[in-house]
Amino acid sequence: ETLGDRHPDTLTSISNLGALLQAKGDLRGAEALYREALEVMRETLGDRHPSTLSSINNLGALLQAKGDLRGAEALYREALEVMRETLGDR
């Protein structure tokens, strides 16, 4: 069975490879994969899906590691806002 580029399992594999590249120090390669996964998750799963929120946080952590604190903060704030809206403040 072919899952395709937009299947959630494929997106998880893309994110996992991004995490591996980040651990190896290839931040440029990791960022490209995290951005790819996030873009497709937003399109297929929506902005409020837990996997999308996890992907937003993954990219935020990478940007933080790269020193892009402004970019990281924007992503962290986005994820927090959606989590509060969907899960509540508690």
C-alpha atoms as a PDB file:
ATOM      1  CA  GLU A   1       0.000   0.000   0.000  1.00  0.00           C
ATOM      2  CA  THR A   2       1.276   3.449  -0.898  1.00  0.00           C
ATOM      3  CA  LEU A   3       0.771   6.093   1.752  1.00  0.00           C
ATOM      4  CA  GLY A   4       1.862   9.149  -0.217  1.00  0.00           C
ATOM      5  CA  ASP A   5       3.524  12.421   0.728  1.00  0.00           C
ATOM      6  CA  ARG A   6       0.499  13.767   2.609  1.00  0.00           C
ATOM      7  CA  HIS A   7      -0.261  10.746   4.789  1.00  0.00           C
ATOM      8  CA  PRO A   8       0.187  11.359   8.546  1.00  0.00           C
ATOM      9  CA  ASP A   9       2.646   8.436   8.818  1.00  0.00           C
ATOM     10  CA  THR A  10       4.786   9.930   6.062  1.00  0.00           C
ATOM     11  CA  LEU A  11       4.720  13.305   7.810  1.00  0.00           C
ATOM     12  CA  THR A  12       5.818  11.646  11.045  1.00  0.00           C
ATOM     13  CA  SER A  13       8.749  10.071   9.193  1.00  0.00           C
ATOM     14  CA  ILE A  14       9.703  13.449   7.746  1.00  0.00           C
ATOM     15  CA  SER A  15       9.631  14.985  11.225  1.00  0.00           C
ATOM     16  CA  ASN A  16      11.640  12.103  12.665  1.00  0.00           C
ATOM     17  CA  LEU A  17      14.327  12.566  10.040  1.00  0.00           C
ATOM     18  CA  GLY A  18      14.337  16.284  10.853  1.00  0.00           C
ATOM     19  CA  ALA A  19      14.913  15.441  14.522  1.00  0.00           C
ATOM     20  CA  LEU A  20      17.798  13.154  13.592  1.00  0.00           C
ATOM     21  CA  LEU A  21      19.408  15.816  11.425  1.00  0.00           C
ATOM     22  CA  GLN A  22      18.980  18.328  14.245  1.00  0.00           C
ATOM     23  CA  ALA A  23      20.685  15.926  16.673  1.00  0.00           C
ATOM     24  CA  LYS A  24      23.548  15.535  14.182  1.00  0.00           C
ATOM     25  CA  GLY A  25      23.921  19.304  13.962  1.00  0.00           C
ATOM     26  CA  ASP A  26      22.502  19.698  10.444  1.00  0.00           C
ATOM     27  CA  LEU A  27      20.155  22.517  11.391  1.00  0.00           C
ATOM     28  CA  ARG A  28      19.606  23.670   7.810  1.00  0.00           C
ATOM     29  CA  GLY A  29      18.509  20.206   6.704  1.00  0.00           C
ATOM     30  CA  ALA A  30      16.369  19.756   9.801  1.00  0.00           C
ATOM     31  CA  GLU A  31      14.653  23.093   9.275  1.00  0.00           C
ATOM     32  CA  ALA A  32      13.727  22.225   5.692  1.00  0.00           C
ATOM     33  CA  LEU A  33      12.136  18.954   6.807  1.00  0.00           C
ATOM     34  CA  TYR A  34      10.319  20.502   9.770  1.00  0.00           C
ATOM     35  CA  ARG A  35       8.927  23.232   7.517  1.00  0.00           C
ATOM     36  CA  GLU A  36       7.823  20.679   4.924  1.00  0.00           C
ATOM     37  CA  ALA A  37       6.042  18.557   7.516  1.00  0.00           C
ATOM     38  CA  LEU A  38       4.389  21.572   9.136  1.00  0.00           C
ATOM     39  CA  GLU A  39       3.149  22.986   5.842  1.00  0.00           C
ATOM     40  CA  VAL A  40       1.498  19.722   4.830  1.00  0.00           C
ATOM     41  CA  MET A  41       0.089  19.120   8.326  1.00  0.00           C
ATOM     42  CA  ARG A  42      -1.537  22.544   8.283  1.00  0.00           C
ATOM     43  CA  GLU A  43      -3.089  21.735   4.888  1.00  0.00           C
ATOM     44  CA  THR A  44      -4.231  18.199   5.654  1.00  0.00           C
ATOM     45  CA  LEU A  45      -4.838  18.081   9.416  1.00  0.00           C
ATOM     46  CA  GLY A  46      -5.564  21.719  10.171  1.00  0.00           C
ATOM     47  CA  ASP A  47      -3.985  24.237  12.529  1.00  0.00           C
ATOM     48  CA  ARG A  48      -5.590  22.788  15.677  1.00  0.00           C
ATOM     49  CA  HIS A  49      -4.597  19.146  15.280  1.00  0.00           C
ATOM     50  CA  PRO A  50      -2.237  17.838  17.994  1.00  0.00           C
ATOM     51  CA  SER A  51       0.277  16.648  15.381  1.00  0.00           C
ATOM     52  CA  THR A  52       0.317  20.101  13.817  1.00  0.00           C
ATOM     53  CA  LEU A  53       0.873  21.701  17.214  1.00  0.00           C
ATOM     54  CA  SER A  54       3.718  19.290  17.901  1.00  0.00           C
ATOM     55  CA  SER A  55       5.241  20.167  14.547  1.00  0.00           C
ATOM     56  CA  ILE A  56       4.971  23.888  15.350  1.00  0.00           C
ATOM     57  CA  ASN A  57       6.827  23.261  18.603  1.00  0.00           C
ATOM     58  CA  ASN A  58       9.488  21.169  16.837  1.00  0.00           C
ATOM     59  CA  LEU A  59      10.202  23.981  14.409  1.00  0.00           C
ATOM     60  CA  GLY A  60      10.176  26.492  17.254  1.00  0.00           C
ATOM     61  CA  ALA A  61      12.778  24.468  19.152  1.00  0.00           C
ATOM     62  CA  LEU A  62      14.958  24.262  16.062  1.00  0.00           C
ATOM     63  CA  LEU A  63      14.760  28.002  15.467  1.00  0.00           C
ATOM     64  CA  GLN A  64      15.629  28.555  19.122  1.00  0.00           C
ATOM     65  CA  ALA A  65      18.684  26.293  18.718  1.00  0.00           C
ATOM     66  CA  LYS A  66      19.701  28.321  15.658  1.00  0.00           C
ATOM     67  CA  GLY A  67      19.419  31.553  17.625  1.00  0.00           C
ATOM     68  CA  ASP A  68      16.324  32.782  15.787  1.00  0.00           C
ATOM     69  CA  LEU A  69      14.564  33.719  18.994  1.00  0.00           C
ATOM     70  CA  ARG A  70      12.001  35.961  17.316  1.00  0.00           C
ATOM     71  CA  GLY A  71      10.919  33.168  14.979  1.00  0.00           C
ATOM     72  CA  ALA A  72      10.873  30.620  17.796  1.00  0.00           C
ATOM     73  CA  GLU A  73       8.797  32.895  20.010  1.00  0.00           C
ATOM     74  CA  ALA A  74       6.199  33.447  17.292  1.00  0.00           C
ATOM     75  CA  LEU A  75       5.768  29.699  16.825  1.00  0.00           C
ATOM     76  CA  TYR A  76       5.666  28.953  20.548  1.00  0.00           C
ATOM     77  CA  ARG A  77       3.053  31.679  21.063  1.00  0.00           C
ATOM     78  CA  GLU A  78       0.954  30.332  18.191  1.00  0.00           C
ATOM     79  CA  ALA A  79       1.012  26.809  19.609  1.00  0.00           C
ATOM     80  CA  LEU A  80       0.230  28.016  23.123  1.00  0.00           C
ATOM     81  CA  GLU A  81      -2.708  30.121  21.953  1.00  0.00           C
ATOM     82  CA  VAL A  82      -4.271  27.217  20.040  1.00  0.00           C
ATOM     83  CA  MET A  83      -3.685  24.824  22.934  1.00  0.00           C
ATOM     84  CA  ARG A  84      -5.364  27.212  25.364  1.00  0.00           C
ATOM     85  CA  GLU A  85      -8.301  27.639  22.988  1.00  0.00           C
ATOM     86  CA  THR A  86      -8.769  23.918  22.462  1.00  0.00           C
ATOM     87  CA  LEU A  87      -7.630  22.462  25.805  1.00  0.00           C
ATOM     88  CA  GLY A  88      -8.411  25.306  28.181  1.00  0.00           C
ATOM     89  CA  ASP A  89      -6.160  27.246  30.545  1.00  0.00           C
ATOM     90  CA  ARG A  90      -5.894  24.611  33.256  1.00  0.00           C
END
